[in-house]
């Protein structure tokens, strides 16, 4: 059924190329409307285990070390703001792992 699938290694390489176009697409077409009540949260996006930071090559020069509520991470953070009506996404932002969670809210 899926004749043109890429290997896992190629998929990992393609992830960093698609992040910017996908972000622009979502921000232009899929965001909800503000109802007056909003909720904000962030979640870590690990790119590898902490033991493999020195040999990681896919996001080399992009990912950063940081600390979140669940411990240390190497990667990025996804910040979301949603409304109270069904959890529609009002705004989102990807930041480096070492960015304070309050900074994207400004």
N, C-alpha and C. Protein backbone atom coordinates (compact mmCIF):
# COMPACT_ATOMS: atom_id res chain seq x y z
N UNK A 1 0.82 -1.20 0.00
CA UNK A 1 0.00 0.00 0.00
C UNK A 1 0.86 1.27 0.00
N UNK A 2 1.98 1.24 0.72
CA UNK A 2 2.83 2.42 0.82
C UNK A 2 4.14 2.12 0.10
N UNK A 3 4.19 2.41 -1.17
CA UNK A 3 5.34 2.04 -1.98
C UNK A 3 6.54 2.95 -1.82
N UNK A 4 6.32 4.21 -1.52
CA UNK A 4 7.41 5.18 -1.49
C UNK A 4 7.79 5.62 -0.08
N UNK A 5 7.72 4.73 0.88
CA UNK A 5 8.08 5.07 2.25
C UNK A 5 9.59 5.26 2.37
N UNK A 6 9.98 6.19 3.22
CA UNK A 6 11.41 6.40 3.47
C UNK A 6 11.82 5.61 4.70
N UNK A 7 13.09 5.35 4.83
CA UNK A 7 13.59 4.64 6.00
C UNK A 7 13.50 5.54 7.24
N UNK A 8 13.65 4.94 8.40
CA UNK A 8 13.58 5.72 9.64
C UNK A 8 14.68 6.78 9.67
N UNK A 9 15.90 6.41 9.26
CA UNK A 9 17.00 7.38 9.28
C UNK A 9 16.70 8.57 8.38
N UNK A 10 16.15 8.32 7.19
CA UNK A 10 15.81 9.41 6.28
C UNK A 10 14.67 10.25 6.84
N UNK A 11 13.71 9.61 7.51
CA UNK A 11 12.61 10.33 8.13
C UNK A 11 13.12 11.31 9.18
N UNK A 12 14.06 10.87 10.00
CA UNK A 12 14.64 11.73 11.03
C UNK A 12 15.36 12.91 10.38
N UNK A 13 16.04 12.69 9.27
CA UNK A 13 16.72 13.78 8.56
C UNK A 13 15.71 14.77 7.98
N UNK A 14 14.57 14.29 7.50
CA UNK A 14 13.57 15.16 6.89
C UNK A 14 12.79 15.97 7.91
N UNK A 15 12.77 15.53 9.17
CA UNK A 15 12.00 16.24 10.21
C UNK A 15 12.41 17.69 10.32
N UNK A 16 13.70 17.98 10.34
CA UNK A 16 14.13 19.35 10.55
C UNK A 16 13.85 20.23 9.33
N UNK A 17 13.71 19.63 8.15
CA UNK A 17 13.40 20.41 6.95
C UNK A 17 11.93 20.79 6.88
N UNK A 18 11.05 19.99 7.45
CA UNK A 18 9.62 20.22 7.36
C UNK A 18 9.07 21.08 8.50
N UNK A 19 9.85 21.29 9.55
CA UNK A 19 9.34 22.00 10.73
C UNK A 19 8.86 23.41 10.40
N UNK A 20 9.64 24.19 9.68
CA UNK A 20 9.25 25.56 9.37
C UNK A 20 8.03 25.63 8.44
N UNK A 21 7.99 24.90 7.32
CA UNK A 21 6.78 24.96 6.48
C UNK A 21 5.52 24.49 7.20
N UNK A 22 5.64 23.45 8.03
CA UNK A 22 4.48 22.95 8.77
C UNK A 22 4.00 23.99 9.78
N UNK A 23 4.91 24.65 10.46
CA UNK A 23 4.56 25.69 11.42
C UNK A 23 3.82 26.83 10.73
N UNK A 24 4.30 27.27 9.60
CA UNK A 24 3.65 28.37 8.86
C UNK A 24 2.25 27.95 8.40
N UNK A 25 2.11 26.74 7.90
CA UNK A 25 0.81 26.24 7.46
C UNK A 25 -0.20 26.24 8.61
N UNK A 26 0.20 25.71 9.75
CA UNK A 26 -0.71 25.65 10.90
C UNK A 26 -1.09 27.05 11.38
N UNK A 27 -0.11 27.97 11.46
CA UNK A 27 -0.41 29.32 11.95
C UNK A 27 -1.31 30.09 11.01
N UNK A 28 -1.25 29.82 9.72
CA UNK A 28 -2.08 30.55 8.75
C UNK A 28 -3.49 30.01 8.66
N UNK A 29 -3.69 28.69 8.82
CA UNK A 29 -4.98 28.10 8.50
C UNK A 29 -5.72 27.42 9.64
N UNK A 30 -5.05 26.98 10.67
CA UNK A 30 -5.71 26.09 11.62
C UNK A 30 -5.88 26.64 13.03
N UNK A 31 -5.64 27.90 13.29
CA UNK A 31 -5.75 28.41 14.65
C UNK A 31 -7.20 28.76 14.99
N UNK A 32 -7.58 28.59 16.28
CA UNK A 32 -8.92 28.89 16.76
C UNK A 32 -9.08 30.36 17.10
N UNK A 33 -10.22 30.71 17.70
CA UNK A 33 -10.51 32.09 18.07
C UNK A 33 -10.50 32.24 19.59
N UNK A 34 -10.07 33.40 20.04
CA UNK A 34 -9.99 33.67 21.47
C UNK A 34 -11.38 33.90 22.04
N UNK A 35 -11.70 33.23 23.15
CA UNK A 35 -13.01 33.36 23.79
C UNK A 35 -12.93 34.14 25.09
N UNK A 36 -11.74 34.60 25.45
CA UNK A 36 -11.57 35.34 26.69
C UNK A 36 -10.90 34.52 27.78
N UNK A 37 -11.02 33.21 27.71
CA UNK A 37 -10.37 32.33 28.68
C UNK A 37 -9.37 31.48 27.93
N UNK A 38 -8.10 31.53 28.35
CA UNK A 38 -7.05 30.79 27.67
C UNK A 38 -6.20 30.04 28.68
N UNK A 39 -5.62 28.95 28.23
CA UNK A 39 -4.73 28.15 29.05
C UNK A 39 -3.40 28.00 28.32
N UNK A 40 -2.31 28.11 29.07
CA UNK A 40 -0.97 27.98 28.48
C UNK A 40 -0.21 26.86 29.17
N UNK A 41 0.56 26.12 28.38
CA UNK A 41 1.38 25.05 28.93
C UNK A 41 2.52 24.78 27.96
N UNK A 42 3.53 24.08 28.43
CA UNK A 42 4.64 23.71 27.57
C UNK A 42 5.01 22.27 27.83
N UNK A 43 5.61 21.65 26.84
CA UNK A 43 6.06 20.27 26.96
C UNK A 43 7.41 20.12 26.30
N UNK A 44 8.29 19.32 26.88
CA UNK A 44 9.61 19.13 26.27
C UNK A 44 9.54 18.20 25.06
N UNK A 45 10.38 18.47 24.08
CA UNK A 45 10.53 17.62 22.90
C UNK A 45 11.97 17.15 22.86
N UNK A 46 12.21 15.99 23.44
CA UNK A 46 13.56 15.44 23.50
C UNK A 46 13.99 14.98 22.11
N UNK A 47 15.22 15.27 21.72
CA UNK A 47 15.73 14.76 20.45
C UNK A 47 16.61 13.54 20.64
N UNK A 48 17.12 13.33 21.83
CA UNK A 48 17.88 12.12 22.14
C UNK A 48 18.01 12.00 23.66
N UNK A 49 18.50 10.86 24.09
CA UNK A 49 18.76 10.68 25.52
C UNK A 49 19.94 11.54 25.93
N UNK A 50 19.98 11.90 27.19
CA UNK A 50 21.07 12.76 27.68
C UNK A 50 22.44 12.12 27.50
N UNK A 51 22.52 10.79 27.55
CA UNK A 51 23.80 10.11 27.38
C UNK A 51 24.33 10.23 25.95
N UNK A 52 23.49 10.54 24.98
CA UNK A 52 23.90 10.58 23.58
C UNK A 52 24.06 11.99 23.03
N UNK A 53 24.05 12.99 23.88
CA UNK A 53 24.12 14.38 23.43
C UNK A 53 25.38 14.63 22.60
N UNK A 54 26.51 14.12 23.03
CA UNK A 54 27.77 14.42 22.35
C UNK A 54 27.89 13.76 20.98
N UNK A 55 27.16 12.68 20.72
CA UNK A 55 27.25 12.02 19.42
C UNK A 55 26.02 12.27 18.54
N UNK A 56 25.06 13.06 19.03
CA UNK A 56 23.84 13.36 18.26
C UNK A 56 24.18 14.27 17.09
N UNK A 57 23.67 13.94 15.87
CA UNK A 57 24.02 14.71 14.69
C UNK A 57 22.84 15.36 13.98
N UNK A 58 21.63 14.85 14.16
CA UNK A 58 20.50 15.34 13.39
C UNK A 58 20.19 16.81 13.68
N UNK A 59 20.09 17.19 14.94
CA UNK A 59 19.80 18.57 15.30
C UNK A 59 21.03 19.25 15.88
N UNK A 60 22.19 18.85 15.43
CA UNK A 60 23.45 19.43 15.91
C UNK A 60 23.47 20.93 15.59
N UNK A 61 23.75 21.74 16.58
CA UNK A 61 23.77 23.19 16.41
C UNK A 61 22.41 23.84 16.58
N UNK A 62 21.33 23.06 16.67
CA UNK A 62 19.99 23.61 16.85
C UNK A 62 19.44 23.34 18.24
N UNK A 63 19.50 22.09 18.67
CA UNK A 63 18.94 21.70 19.97
C UNK A 63 19.83 22.22 21.10
N UNK A 64 19.21 22.47 22.24
CA UNK A 64 19.93 22.99 23.42
C UNK A 64 19.55 22.20 24.66
N UNK A 65 20.45 22.21 25.63
CA UNK A 65 20.16 21.61 26.93
C UNK A 65 19.31 22.57 27.74
N UNK A 66 18.40 22.00 28.49
CA UNK A 66 17.55 22.81 29.35
C UNK A 66 17.00 21.97 30.48
N UNK A 67 16.26 22.62 31.36
CA UNK A 67 15.66 21.91 32.49
C UNK A 67 14.18 22.21 32.49
N UNK A 68 13.38 21.17 32.66
CA UNK A 68 11.94 21.33 32.76
C UNK A 68 11.48 20.67 34.05
N UNK A 69 10.18 20.62 34.27
CA UNK A 69 9.66 20.04 35.51
C UNK A 69 9.94 18.55 35.61
N UNK A 70 10.23 17.89 34.49
CA UNK A 70 10.49 16.45 34.52
C UNK A 70 11.98 16.14 34.48
N UNK A 71 12.83 17.15 34.61
CA UNK A 71 14.28 16.91 34.63
C UNK A 71 14.97 17.59 33.47
N UNK A 72 16.19 17.13 33.19
CA UNK A 72 16.99 17.72 32.13
C UNK A 72 16.55 17.20 30.76
N UNK A 73 16.70 18.05 29.76
CA UNK A 73 16.37 17.65 28.41
C UNK A 73 17.39 18.20 27.43
N UNK A 74 17.49 17.56 26.29
CA UNK A 74 18.28 18.06 25.18
C UNK A 74 17.34 18.10 23.99
N UNK A 75 16.98 19.29 23.56
CA UNK A 75 16.05 19.40 22.45
C UNK A 75 15.34 20.73 22.43
N UNK A 76 14.02 20.66 22.30
CA UNK A 76 13.18 21.84 22.15
C UNK A 76 12.02 21.78 23.13
N UNK A 77 11.25 22.87 23.18
CA UNK A 77 10.02 22.87 23.95
C UNK A 77 8.90 23.39 23.06
N UNK A 78 7.72 22.80 23.22
CA UNK A 78 6.53 23.23 22.51
C UNK A 78 5.66 23.98 23.51
N UNK A 79 5.36 25.25 23.22
CA UNK A 79 4.51 26.08 24.07
C UNK A 79 3.17 26.23 23.36
N UNK A 80 2.08 25.93 24.08
CA UNK A 80 0.73 26.02 23.52
C UNK A 80 -0.14 26.94 24.34
N UNK A 81 -0.99 27.69 23.65
CA UNK A 81 -2.05 28.46 24.29
C UNK A 81 -3.35 28.00 23.64
N UNK A 82 -4.29 27.50 24.46
CA UNK A 82 -5.56 27.00 23.94
C UNK A 82 -6.72 27.75 24.60
N UNK A 83 -7.89 27.68 23.98
CA UNK A 83 -9.07 28.32 24.56
C UNK A 83 -9.89 27.29 25.34
N UNK A 84 -10.95 27.74 25.97
CA UNK A 84 -11.79 26.86 26.79
C UNK A 84 -12.85 26.15 25.97
N UNK A 85 -12.99 26.45 24.71
CA UNK A 85 -14.01 25.85 23.86
C UNK A 85 -13.40 24.70 23.05
N UNK A 86 -13.35 23.54 23.63
CA UNK A 86 -12.86 22.37 22.92
C UNK A 86 -11.35 22.30 22.75
N UNK A 87 -10.61 23.17 23.42
CA UNK A 87 -9.16 23.11 23.33
C UNK A 87 -8.60 23.52 21.99
N UNK A 88 -9.24 24.50 21.32
CA UNK A 88 -8.71 24.99 20.06
C UNK A 88 -7.39 25.70 20.30
N UNK A 89 -6.42 25.46 19.45
CA UNK A 89 -5.11 26.08 19.59
C UNK A 89 -5.19 27.53 19.14
N UNK A 90 -4.81 28.44 20.05
CA UNK A 90 -4.78 29.86 19.72
C UNK A 90 -3.40 30.28 19.24
N UNK A 91 -2.37 29.71 19.83
CA UNK A 91 -1.02 30.07 19.45
C UNK A 91 -0.08 28.97 19.91
N UNK A 92 0.98 28.77 19.18
CA UNK A 92 2.00 27.82 19.61
C UNK A 92 3.35 28.31 19.15
N UNK A 93 4.37 27.82 19.82
CA UNK A 93 5.73 28.24 19.50
C UNK A 93 6.69 27.14 19.90
N UNK A 94 7.66 26.88 19.02
CA UNK A 94 8.76 25.99 19.34
C UNK A 94 9.94 26.84 19.79
N UNK A 95 10.53 26.48 20.92
CA UNK A 95 11.71 27.20 21.39
C UNK A 95 12.81 26.19 21.71
N UNK A 96 14.00 26.70 21.89
CA UNK A 96 15.11 25.84 22.30
C UNK A 96 14.84 25.33 23.71
N UNK A 97 15.50 24.26 24.08
CA UNK A 97 15.27 23.65 25.38
C UNK A 97 15.66 24.50 26.56
N UNK A 98 16.51 25.52 26.34
CA UNK A 98 16.98 26.33 27.46
C UNK A 98 16.21 27.65 27.61
N UNK A 99 15.07 27.81 26.95
CA UNK A 99 14.27 29.04 27.04
C UNK A 99 13.29 28.92 28.21
N UNK A 100 13.21 29.98 29.00
CA UNK A 100 12.28 30.01 30.13
C UNK A 100 10.85 29.92 29.62
N UNK A 101 10.00 29.17 30.33
CA UNK A 101 8.62 28.96 29.90
C UNK A 101 7.79 30.24 29.86
N UNK A 102 8.17 31.25 30.60
CA UNK A 102 7.41 32.50 30.61
C UNK A 102 7.73 33.42 29.44
N UNK A 103 8.88 33.24 28.83
CA UNK A 103 9.31 34.14 27.74
C UNK A 103 8.38 34.11 26.53
N UNK A 104 7.95 32.94 26.02
CA UNK A 104 7.05 32.95 24.85
C UNK A 104 5.68 33.54 25.10
N UNK A 105 5.26 33.69 26.36
CA UNK A 105 3.96 34.24 26.66
C UNK A 105 3.87 35.75 26.50
N UNK A 106 5.01 36.41 26.44
CA UNK A 106 5.01 37.87 26.36
C UNK A 106 4.57 38.37 25.00
